[in-house]
Amino acid sequence: MKFGFMEDFRNPVKWRRPFPEFYQAILEQIAHGEDLGYDNVWLTEHHFTEDGYNPSIMPTAAAVAARTSRIRIGSFILLAPPTSDQNCRGYGLRGYFIQRAF
């Protein structure tokens, strides 16, 4: 049996901490979970929320990977990027959406 946990990086207004400090604390918590023997961590994302819900899984997953060595990183929820040309360039998906639009 394998065990894992989920992190959404929510920083509610009521208990708001500075985001750099908050993200560092969550990343340390994930590394500690690995030290405790957890097998995987699941990340989620959501856009346009007041509580700072993780807006982008891939950079977050890269930060987790840089601080861990064994734990598996999963995407519990991965939202499709906006379909405008401007927003898709950062994801390397410009051609994908242009082909699908015509």
C-alpha atoms as a PDB file:
ATOM      1  CA  MET A   1       0.000   0.000   0.000  1.00  0.00           C
ATOM      2  CA  LYS A   2       1.232   3.480  -0.866  1.00  0.00           C
ATOM      3  CA  PHE A   3       0.394   6.699   0.953  1.00  0.00           C
ATOM      4  CA  GLY A   4       0.259  10.236  -0.325  1.00  0.00           C
ATOM      5  CA  PHE A   5      -1.152  13.659   0.442  1.00  0.00           C
ATOM      6  CA  MET A   6      -2.492  16.672  -1.444  1.00  0.00           C
ATOM      7  CA  GLU A   7      -1.292  20.284  -1.379  1.00  0.00           C
ATOM      8  CA  ASP A   8      -3.255  23.137  -2.933  1.00  0.00           C
ATOM      9  CA  PHE A   9      -1.121  26.047  -1.654  1.00  0.00           C
ATOM     10  CA  ARG A  10      -4.170  27.946  -0.426  1.00  0.00           C
ATOM     11  CA  ASN A  11      -3.386  30.998   1.689  1.00  0.00           C
ATOM     12  CA  PRO A  12      -6.750  32.180   3.112  1.00  0.00           C
ATOM     13  CA  VAL A  13      -7.206  35.891   3.725  1.00  0.00           C
ATOM     14  CA  LYS A  14      -8.098  35.283   7.372  1.00  0.00           C
ATOM     15  CA  TRP A  15      -4.663  33.714   8.087  1.00  0.00           C
ATOM     16  CA  ARG A  16      -2.718  35.258   5.182  1.00  0.00           C
ATOM     17  CA  ARG A  17       1.064  35.000   5.293  1.00  0.00           C
ATOM     18  CA  PRO A  18       3.456  36.576   2.780  1.00  0.00           C
ATOM     19  CA  PHE A  19       3.427  34.299  -0.270  1.00  0.00           C
ATOM     20  CA  PRO A  20       7.208  33.655  -0.448  1.00  0.00           C
ATOM     21  CA  GLU A  21       7.169  32.581   3.215  1.00  0.00           C
ATOM     22  CA  PHE A  22       3.990  30.553   2.710  1.00  0.00           C
ATOM     23  CA  TYR A  23       5.262  28.676  -0.361  1.00  0.00           C
ATOM     24  CA  GLN A  24       8.562  27.952   1.385  1.00  0.00           C
ATOM     25  CA  ALA A  25       6.693  26.462   4.344  1.00  0.00           C
ATOM     26  CA  ILE A  26       4.567  24.219   2.096  1.00  0.00           C
ATOM     27  CA  LEU A  27       7.626  23.059   0.147  1.00  0.00           C
ATOM     28  CA  GLU A  28       9.350  22.215   3.445  1.00  0.00           C
ATOM     29  CA  GLN A  29       6.233  20.325   4.525  1.00  0.00           C
ATOM     30  CA  ILE A  30       6.338  18.271   1.318  1.00  0.00           C
ATOM     31  CA  ALA A  31      10.037  17.486   1.837  1.00  0.00           C
ATOM     32  CA  HIS A  32       9.237  16.467   5.410  1.00  0.00           C
ATOM     33  CA  GLY A  33       6.470  14.204   4.098  1.00  0.00           C
ATOM     34  CA  GLU A  34       9.043  12.490   1.916  1.00  0.00           C
ATOM     35  CA  ASP A  35      11.323  12.073   4.948  1.00  0.00           C
ATOM     36  CA  LEU A  36       8.410  10.482   6.819  1.00  0.00           C
ATOM     37  CA  GLY A  37       7.992   7.914   4.047  1.00  0.00           C
ATOM     38  CA  TYR A  38       5.064   9.227   2.046  1.00  0.00           C
ATOM     39  CA  ASP A  39       5.091   7.881  -1.503  1.00  0.00           C
ATOM     40  CA  ASN A  40       3.455  10.707  -3.435  1.00  0.00           C
ATOM     41  CA  VAL A  41       2.207  14.260  -3.274  1.00  0.00           C
ATOM     42  CA  TRP A  42      -0.720  15.461  -5.349  1.00  0.00           C
ATOM     43  CA  LEU A  43      -0.870  19.080  -6.544  1.00  0.00           C
ATOM     44  CA  THR A  44      -3.944  20.966  -7.688  1.00  0.00           C
ATOM     45  CA  GLU A  45      -4.479  24.270  -9.426  1.00  0.00           C
ATOM     46  CA  HIS A  46      -7.224  26.817  -9.740  1.00  0.00           C
ATOM     47  CA  HIS A  47      -7.353  30.314 -11.196  1.00  0.00           C
ATOM     48  CA  PHE A  48      -8.772  33.631  -9.987  1.00  0.00           C
ATOM     49  CA  THR A  49      -9.305  32.879  -6.307  1.00  0.00           C
ATOM     50  CA  GLU A  50      -8.753  35.219  -3.372  1.00  0.00           C
ATOM     51  CA  ASP A  51      -6.934  32.635  -1.285  1.00  0.00           C
ATOM     52  CA  GLY A  52      -4.011  32.242  -3.670  1.00  0.00           C
ATOM     53  CA  TYR A  53      -4.881  28.686  -4.704  1.00  0.00           C
ATOM     54  CA  ASN A  54      -1.927  27.319  -6.691  1.00  0.00           C
ATOM     55  CA  PRO A  55      -2.346  28.975 -10.123  1.00  0.00           C
ATOM     56  CA  SER A  56       0.088  26.743 -12.049  1.00  0.00           C
ATOM     57  CA  ILE A  57       1.068  23.150 -11.311  1.00  0.00           C
ATOM     58  CA  MET A  58       4.130  22.768 -13.522  1.00  0.00           C
ATOM     59  CA  PRO A  59       6.358  25.400 -11.853  1.00  0.00           C
ATOM     60  CA  THR A  60       5.157  24.176  -8.456  1.00  0.00           C
ATOM     61  CA  ALA A  61       5.946  20.567  -9.387  1.00  0.00           C
ATOM     62  CA  ALA A  62       9.422  21.681 -10.506  1.00  0.00           C
ATOM     63  CA  ALA A  63       9.979  23.369  -7.125  1.00  0.00           C
ATOM     64  CA  VAL A  64       8.877  20.179  -5.350  1.00  0.00           C
ATOM     65  CA  ALA A  65      11.169  18.061  -7.549  1.00  0.00           C
ATOM     66  CA  ALA A  66      14.112  20.351  -6.758  1.00  0.00           C
ATOM     67  CA  ARG A  67      13.622  19.754  -3.013  1.00  0.00           C
ATOM     68  CA  THR A  68      12.846  16.025  -3.034  1.00  0.00           C
ATOM     69  CA  SER A  69      14.437  12.884  -4.438  1.00  0.00           C
ATOM     70  CA  ARG A  70      12.010   9.989  -4.090  1.00  0.00           C
ATOM     71  CA  ILE A  71       8.436  11.179  -3.684  1.00  0.00           C
ATOM     72  CA  ARG A  72       6.271  10.951  -6.793  1.00  0.00           C
ATOM     73  CA  ILE A  73       4.536  14.151  -7.893  1.00  0.00           C
ATOM     74  CA  GLY A  74       1.020  13.925  -9.295  1.00  0.00           C
ATOM     75  CA  SER A  75      -1.374  16.431 -10.799  1.00  0.00           C
ATOM     76  CA  PHE A  76      -4.677  15.989  -9.030  1.00  0.00           C
ATOM     77  CA  ILE A  77      -6.233  18.692 -11.202  1.00  0.00           C
ATOM     78  CA  LEU A  78      -4.530  20.282 -14.217  1.00  0.00           C
ATOM     79  CA  LEU A  79      -6.488  23.046 -15.942  1.00  0.00           C
ATOM     80  CA  ALA A  80      -6.156  23.737 -19.636  1.00  0.00           C
ATOM     81  CA  PRO A  81      -4.566  27.109 -20.328  1.00  0.00           C
ATOM     82  CA  PRO A  82      -6.645  29.939 -21.766  1.00  0.00           C
ATOM     83  CA  THR A  83      -6.972  29.572 -25.524  1.00  0.00           C
ATOM     84  CA  SER A  84      -5.898  33.055 -26.572  1.00  0.00           C
ATOM     85  CA  ASP A  85      -2.679  33.312 -28.566  1.00  0.00           C
ATOM     86  CA  GLN A  86      -1.106  35.614 -25.968  1.00  0.00           C
ATOM     87  CA  ASN A  87      -1.626  33.194 -23.062  1.00  0.00           C
ATOM     88  CA  CYS A  88      -0.744  30.033 -24.985  1.00  0.00           C
ATOM     89  CA  ARG A  89       2.747  31.163 -25.993  1.00  0.00           C
ATOM     90  CA  GLY A  90       4.041  30.548 -22.481  1.00  0.00           C
ATOM     91  CA  TYR A  91       2.818  26.954 -22.639  1.00  0.00           C
ATOM     92  CA  GLY A  92       4.174  26.245 -26.136  1.00  0.00           C
ATOM     93  CA  LEU A  93       0.626  25.484 -27.291  1.00  0.00           C
ATOM     94  CA  ARG A  94       0.070  28.237 -29.830  1.00  0.00           C
ATOM     95  CA  GLY A  95       0.111  25.913 -32.827  1.00  0.00           C
ATOM     96  CA  TYR A  96      -2.106  23.368 -31.087  1.00  0.00           C
ATOM     97  CA  PHE A  97      -4.940  25.825 -30.550  1.00  0.00           C
ATOM     98  CA  ILE A  98      -4.577  27.466 -33.962  1.00  0.00           C
ATOM     99  CA  GLN A  99      -4.908  24.059 -35.648  1.00  0.00           C
ATOM    100  CA  ARG A 100      -8.011  23.243 -33.598  1.00  0.00           C
ATOM    101  CA  ALA A 101      -9.637  26.632 -34.242  1.00  0.00           C
ATOM    102  CA  PHE A 102      -9.800  26.277 -38.059  1.00  0.00           C
END
